[in-house]
Amino acid sequence: MNRLWNDLKTLWLNAGFYSGLVFITAVGIVFVSVPVFCWMRWVRGRDNGQTTRYLIWLYGRAWARFLSFFVPLRLENCGNKPPKPCIFVPNHQSFFDTYCFGFLPEPDVVFAVR
């Protein structure tokens, strides 16, 4: 019975997690990205790079909120804004490291990847 319960939990986690990912991405693109991009680009006068980084930051924030339903999250030492300029170095233990930049208080972060 314990094995069956673990299999059902794993199935629910995977089904809920990946369907939630697709939902957040689709809704984000249609209802958030396009209007926010237009507003920031033409009303606020931001360039394409700043606007794109802001949208990636919003996507990471949505991911973090959604993930908190499945995995308990604990943030430490995130109350202070970092000095500008500064360098953040992710250790890339998983694919999700990049999305964790959504926890940063500053959305204007540039990524260097290979």
N, C-alpha and C. Protein backbone atom coordinates (compact mmCIF):
# COMPACT_ATOMS: atom_id res chain seq x y z
N MET A 1 0.82 -1.20 0.00
CA MET A 1 0.00 0.00 0.00
C MET A 1 0.87 1.26 0.00
N ASN A 2 1.97 1.22 0.76
CA ASN A 2 2.87 2.36 0.83
C ASN A 2 3.48 2.66 -0.54
N ARG A 3 3.84 1.62 -1.27
CA ARG A 3 4.41 1.78 -2.61
C ARG A 3 3.39 2.42 -3.55
N LEU A 4 2.14 1.97 -3.48
CA LEU A 4 1.08 2.54 -4.30
C LEU A 4 0.87 4.01 -3.97
N TRP A 5 0.85 4.33 -2.69
CA TRP A 5 0.67 5.72 -2.27
C TRP A 5 1.80 6.61 -2.79
N ASN A 6 3.04 6.13 -2.69
CA ASN A 6 4.18 6.89 -3.20
C ASN A 6 4.10 7.07 -4.71
N ASP A 7 3.66 6.04 -5.42
CA ASP A 7 3.49 6.16 -6.87
C ASP A 7 2.41 7.17 -7.22
N LEU A 8 1.31 7.16 -6.48
CA LEU A 8 0.24 8.14 -6.73
C LEU A 8 0.70 9.56 -6.44
N LYS A 9 1.45 9.74 -5.36
CA LYS A 9 1.98 11.07 -5.04
C LYS A 9 2.94 11.55 -6.13
N THR A 10 3.78 10.63 -6.61
CA THR A 10 4.72 11.00 -7.67
C THR A 10 3.98 11.36 -8.95
N LEU A 11 2.96 10.59 -9.28
CA LEU A 11 2.15 10.88 -10.47
C LEU A 11 1.48 12.23 -10.34
N TRP A 12 0.88 12.51 -9.19
CA TRP A 12 0.21 13.79 -8.97
C TRP A 12 1.21 14.95 -9.03
N LEU A 13 2.37 14.75 -8.40
CA LEU A 13 3.39 15.80 -8.43
C LEU A 13 3.81 16.10 -9.85
N ASN A 14 4.11 15.07 -10.63
CA ASN A 14 4.53 15.29 -12.01
C ASN A 14 3.42 15.88 -12.86
N ALA A 15 2.21 15.34 -12.73
CA ALA A 15 1.09 15.86 -13.52
C ALA A 15 0.79 17.30 -13.14
N GLY A 16 0.74 17.58 -11.84
CA GLY A 16 0.45 18.93 -11.39
C GLY A 16 1.55 19.91 -11.73
N PHE A 17 2.77 19.47 -11.56
CA PHE A 17 3.91 20.36 -11.78
C PHE A 17 4.04 20.73 -13.25
N TYR A 18 4.03 19.75 -14.13
CA TYR A 18 4.24 20.04 -15.55
C TYR A 18 3.03 20.70 -16.20
N SER A 19 1.83 20.32 -15.78
CA SER A 19 0.67 21.02 -16.32
C SER A 19 0.64 22.46 -15.80
N GLY A 20 1.07 22.66 -14.56
CA GLY A 20 1.16 24.02 -14.03
C GLY A 20 2.20 24.85 -14.77
N LEU A 21 3.31 24.23 -15.11
CA LEU A 21 4.35 24.92 -15.89
C LEU A 21 3.80 25.37 -17.23
N VAL A 22 3.10 24.48 -17.91
CA VAL A 22 2.52 24.84 -19.21
C VAL A 22 1.49 25.95 -19.04
N PHE A 23 0.67 25.86 -18.00
CA PHE A 23 -0.36 26.87 -17.76
C PHE A 23 0.26 28.23 -17.46
N ILE A 24 1.24 28.26 -16.55
CA ILE A 24 1.88 29.53 -16.20
C ILE A 24 2.55 30.15 -17.43
N THR A 25 3.20 29.31 -18.23
CA THR A 25 3.88 29.82 -19.41
C THR A 25 2.89 30.37 -20.43
N ALA A 26 1.83 29.62 -20.71
CA ALA A 26 0.84 30.06 -21.70
C ALA A 26 0.13 31.33 -21.25
N VAL A 27 -0.34 31.35 -20.02
CA VAL A 27 -1.04 32.53 -19.51
C VAL A 27 -0.08 33.71 -19.44
N GLY A 28 1.15 33.44 -19.02
CA GLY A 28 2.13 34.52 -18.94
C GLY A 28 2.44 35.15 -20.28
N ILE A 29 2.56 34.33 -21.30
CA ILE A 29 2.86 34.86 -22.62
C ILE A 29 1.70 35.70 -23.15
N VAL A 30 0.50 35.16 -23.06
CA VAL A 30 -0.66 35.83 -23.66
C VAL A 30 -1.10 37.04 -22.86
N PHE A 31 -1.27 36.86 -21.54
CA PHE A 31 -1.90 37.92 -20.75
C PHE A 31 -0.93 38.81 -19.98
N VAL A 32 0.32 38.41 -19.89
CA VAL A 32 1.27 39.23 -19.13
C VAL A 32 2.37 39.78 -20.04
N SER A 33 3.07 38.91 -20.74
CA SER A 33 4.25 39.33 -21.49
C SER A 33 3.95 40.38 -22.55
N VAL A 34 2.97 40.13 -23.36
CA VAL A 34 2.68 41.07 -24.46
C VAL A 34 2.23 42.43 -23.93
N PRO A 35 1.23 42.49 -23.02
CA PRO A 35 0.85 43.83 -22.51
C PRO A 35 1.96 44.53 -21.73
N VAL A 36 2.70 43.77 -20.89
CA VAL A 36 3.76 44.39 -20.10
C VAL A 36 4.89 44.86 -21.01
N PHE A 37 5.23 44.07 -22.02
CA PHE A 37 6.27 44.48 -22.96
C PHE A 37 5.87 45.78 -23.65
N CYS A 38 4.66 45.85 -24.16
CA CYS A 38 4.20 47.07 -24.84
C CYS A 38 4.20 48.26 -23.89
N TRP A 39 3.70 48.06 -22.67
CA TRP A 39 3.63 49.16 -21.70
C TRP A 39 5.03 49.65 -21.32
N MET A 40 5.92 48.71 -21.01
CA MET A 40 7.26 49.13 -20.60
C MET A 40 8.05 49.72 -21.76
N ARG A 41 7.87 49.19 -22.93
CA ARG A 41 8.65 49.64 -24.09
C ARG A 41 8.20 51.02 -24.56
N TRP A 42 6.89 51.21 -24.71
CA TRP A 42 6.43 52.44 -25.34
C TRP A 42 5.92 53.48 -24.36
N VAL A 43 5.39 53.07 -23.21
CA VAL A 43 4.92 54.06 -22.24
C VAL A 43 6.05 54.47 -21.30
N ARG A 44 6.77 53.50 -20.75
CA ARG A 44 7.85 53.79 -19.81
C ARG A 44 9.17 54.12 -20.51
N GLY A 45 9.29 53.80 -21.79
CA GLY A 45 10.49 54.15 -22.54
C GLY A 45 11.70 53.28 -22.26
N ARG A 46 11.49 52.07 -21.77
CA ARG A 46 12.60 51.15 -21.50
C ARG A 46 13.06 50.50 -22.80
N ASP A 47 14.33 50.10 -22.84
CA ASP A 47 14.81 49.43 -24.05
C ASP A 47 14.40 47.96 -24.02
N ASN A 48 14.63 47.27 -25.12
CA ASN A 48 14.21 45.88 -25.25
C ASN A 48 14.90 44.98 -24.22
N GLY A 49 16.17 45.22 -23.94
CA GLY A 49 16.91 44.40 -22.99
C GLY A 49 16.34 44.49 -21.58
N GLN A 50 16.10 45.72 -21.09
CA GLN A 50 15.53 45.89 -19.76
C GLN A 50 14.15 45.27 -19.67
N THR A 51 13.36 45.45 -20.69
CA THR A 51 12.01 44.91 -20.69
C THR A 51 12.03 43.39 -20.69
N THR A 52 12.89 42.80 -21.48
CA THR A 52 12.99 41.34 -21.53
C THR A 52 13.47 40.79 -20.20
N ARG A 53 14.46 41.42 -19.58
CA ARG A 53 14.95 40.96 -18.28
C ARG A 53 13.86 41.06 -17.22
N TYR A 54 13.03 42.10 -17.28
CA TYR A 54 11.93 42.24 -16.34
C TYR A 54 10.91 41.11 -16.52
N LEU A 55 10.62 40.78 -17.76
CA LEU A 55 9.65 39.69 -18.01
C LEU A 55 10.21 38.35 -17.55
N ILE A 56 11.49 38.11 -17.74
CA ILE A 56 12.11 36.88 -17.24
C ILE A 56 12.04 36.84 -15.72
N TRP A 57 12.25 37.98 -15.08
CA TRP A 57 12.16 38.06 -13.62
C TRP A 57 10.74 37.75 -13.15
N LEU A 58 9.73 38.30 -13.84
CA LEU A 58 8.33 38.00 -13.49
C LEU A 58 8.03 36.52 -13.65
N TYR A 59 8.55 35.92 -14.71
CA TYR A 59 8.34 34.49 -14.95
C TYR A 59 8.98 33.67 -13.82
N GLY A 60 10.16 34.06 -13.38
CA GLY A 60 10.80 33.38 -12.26
C GLY A 60 10.01 33.54 -10.97
N ARG A 61 9.42 34.72 -10.75
CA ARG A 61 8.58 34.93 -9.57
C ARG A 61 7.36 34.02 -9.61
N ALA A 62 6.72 33.91 -10.77
CA ALA A 62 5.56 33.03 -10.90
C ALA A 62 5.96 31.58 -10.65
N TRP A 63 7.09 31.16 -11.20
CA TRP A 63 7.61 29.81 -10.98
C TRP A 63 7.81 29.56 -9.50
N ALA A 64 8.42 30.50 -8.81
CA ALA A 64 8.71 30.33 -7.39
C ALA A 64 7.42 30.20 -6.58
N ARG A 65 6.44 31.00 -6.90
CA ARG A 65 5.14 30.91 -6.20
C ARG A 65 4.49 29.56 -6.46
N PHE A 66 4.49 29.14 -7.71
CA PHE A 66 3.89 27.85 -8.06
C PHE A 66 4.64 26.70 -7.41
N LEU A 67 5.94 26.77 -7.42
CA LEU A 67 6.76 25.70 -6.86
C LEU A 67 6.55 25.56 -5.36
N SER A 68 6.21 26.65 -4.68
CA SER A 68 6.03 26.60 -3.23
C SER A 68 4.85 25.70 -2.84
N PHE A 69 3.94 25.40 -3.76
CA PHE A 69 2.86 24.46 -3.46
C PHE A 69 3.37 23.02 -3.39
N PHE A 70 4.45 22.74 -4.06
CA PHE A 70 4.97 21.38 -4.14
C PHE A 70 6.20 21.15 -3.27
N VAL A 71 7.03 22.17 -3.12
CA VAL A 71 8.29 22.05 -2.40
C VAL A 71 8.38 23.20 -1.41
N PRO A 72 8.66 22.91 -0.14
CA PRO A 72 8.82 24.02 0.80
C PRO A 72 10.08 24.83 0.48
N LEU A 73 9.92 26.13 0.45
CA LEU A 73 11.03 27.02 0.12
C LEU A 73 11.39 27.84 1.35
N ARG A 74 12.67 28.08 1.52
CA ARG A 74 13.14 28.92 2.60
C ARG A 74 14.19 29.87 2.02
N LEU A 75 13.94 31.14 2.18
CA LEU A 75 14.88 32.14 1.70
C LEU A 75 15.66 32.69 2.89
N GLU A 76 16.94 32.86 2.69
CA GLU A 76 17.79 33.40 3.75
C GLU A 76 18.56 34.60 3.22
N ASN A 77 18.64 35.64 4.01
CA ASN A 77 19.41 36.84 3.70
C ASN A 77 18.98 37.47 2.39
N CYS A 78 17.70 37.55 2.15
CA CYS A 78 17.21 38.14 0.90
C CYS A 78 16.52 39.48 1.13
N GLY A 79 16.59 40.00 2.32
CA GLY A 79 15.89 41.25 2.62
C GLY A 79 16.60 42.49 2.11
N ASN A 80 17.90 42.44 1.95
CA ASN A 80 18.66 43.62 1.55
C ASN A 80 18.89 43.63 0.05
N LYS A 81 18.81 44.82 -0.53
CA LYS A 81 19.16 44.94 -1.94
C LYS A 81 20.68 44.86 -2.08
N PRO A 82 21.14 44.16 -3.10
CA PRO A 82 22.59 44.07 -3.30
C PRO A 82 23.16 45.39 -3.79
N PRO A 83 24.44 45.64 -3.52
CA PRO A 83 25.06 46.87 -4.04
C PRO A 83 25.16 46.78 -5.56
N LYS A 84 25.14 47.94 -6.19
CA LYS A 84 25.26 47.96 -7.65
C LYS A 84 26.62 48.49 -8.02
N PRO A 85 27.29 47.98 -8.97
CA PRO A 85 27.03 46.71 -9.66
C PRO A 85 27.51 45.54 -8.81
N CYS A 86 26.97 44.36 -9.08
CA CYS A 86 27.41 43.16 -8.38
C CYS A 86 27.26 41.96 -9.32
N ILE A 87 27.86 40.86 -8.92
CA ILE A 87 27.84 39.65 -9.74
C ILE A 87 27.20 38.53 -8.93
N PHE A 88 26.21 37.86 -9.52
CA PHE A 88 25.60 36.67 -8.94
C PHE A 88 26.10 35.48 -9.72
N VAL A 89 26.51 34.46 -9.02
CA VAL A 89 27.03 33.26 -9.68
C VAL A 89 26.19 32.06 -9.25
N PRO A 90 25.33 31.55 -10.15
CA PRO A 90 24.58 30.34 -9.79
C PRO A 90 25.49 29.13 -9.92
N ASN A 91 25.24 28.12 -9.09
CA ASN A 91 26.08 26.93 -9.14
C ASN A 91 25.52 25.87 -10.10
N HIS A 92 24.37 26.10 -10.65
CA HIS A 92 23.74 25.21 -11.64
C HIS A 92 23.66 23.77 -11.17
N GLN A 93 23.11 23.58 -9.98
CA GLN A 93 22.87 22.24 -9.50
C GLN A 93 21.64 21.64 -10.18
N SER A 94 20.80 22.50 -10.76
CA SER A 94 19.62 22.02 -11.49
C SER A 94 19.26 23.06 -12.54
N PHE A 95 18.30 22.71 -13.39
CA PHE A 95 17.85 23.64 -14.42
C PHE A 95 17.12 24.82 -13.80
N PHE A 96 16.67 24.68 -12.57
CA PHE A 96 15.83 25.70 -11.94
C PHE A 96 16.64 26.85 -11.36
N ASP A 97 17.95 26.74 -11.32
CA ASP A 97 18.78 27.80 -10.75
C ASP A 97 18.51 29.16 -11.40
N THR A 98 18.39 29.15 -12.69
CA THR A 98 18.18 30.41 -13.41
C THR A 98 16.86 31.06 -13.01
N TYR A 99 15.82 30.25 -12.83
CA TYR A 99 14.52 30.80 -12.45
C TYR A 99 14.52 31.31 -11.01
N CYS A 100 15.45 30.84 -10.20
CA CYS A 100 15.54 31.33 -8.82
C CYS A 100 16.00 32.77 -8.76
N PHE A 101 16.49 33.31 -9.85
CA PHE A 101 16.79 34.74 -9.87
C PHE A 101 15.52 35.56 -9.72
N GLY A 102 14.36 34.93 -9.88
CA GLY A 102 13.10 35.62 -9.61
C GLY A 102 12.92 36.00 -8.16
N PHE A 103 13.71 35.41 -7.25
CA PHE A 103 13.67 35.77 -5.85
C PHE A 103 14.41 37.07 -5.57
N LEU A 104 15.23 37.51 -6.50
CA LEU A 104 16.01 38.72 -6.28
C LEU A 104 15.09 39.93 -6.20
N PRO A 105 15.42 40.90 -5.36
CA PRO A 105 14.57 42.10 -5.29
C PRO A 105 14.75 43.00 -6.50
N GLU A 106 15.78 42.81 -7.27
CA GLU A 106 16.08 43.65 -8.44
C GLU A 106 15.83 42.86 -9.72
N PRO A 107 14.94 43.33 -10.59
CA PRO A 107 14.66 42.57 -11.81
C PRO A 107 15.66 42.78 -12.94
N ASP A 108 16.49 43.81 -12.87
CA ASP A 108 17.38 44.11 -13.98
C ASP A 108 18.72 43.38 -13.80
N VAL A 109 18.72 42.08 -14.09
CA VAL A 109 19.88 41.23 -13.93
C VAL A 109 20.25 40.67 -15.31
N VAL A 110 21.52 40.73 -15.67
CA VAL A 110 21.99 40.21 -16.94
C VAL A 110 22.65 38.87 -16.69
N PHE A 111 22.32 37.88 -17.53
CA PHE A 111 22.88 36.54 -17.40
C PHE A 111 23.98 36.34 -18.42
N ALA A 112 25.04 35.70 -18.00
CA ALA A 112 26.10 35.29 -18.92
C ALA A 112 26.11 33.78 -18.94
N VAL A 113 25.83 33.22 -20.10
CA VAL A 113 25.78 31.76 -20.23
C VAL A 113 26.64 31.35 -21.41
N ARG A 114 26.99 30.07 -21.41
CA ARG A 114 27.77 29.62 -22.56
C ARG A 114 26.92 28.78 -23.46
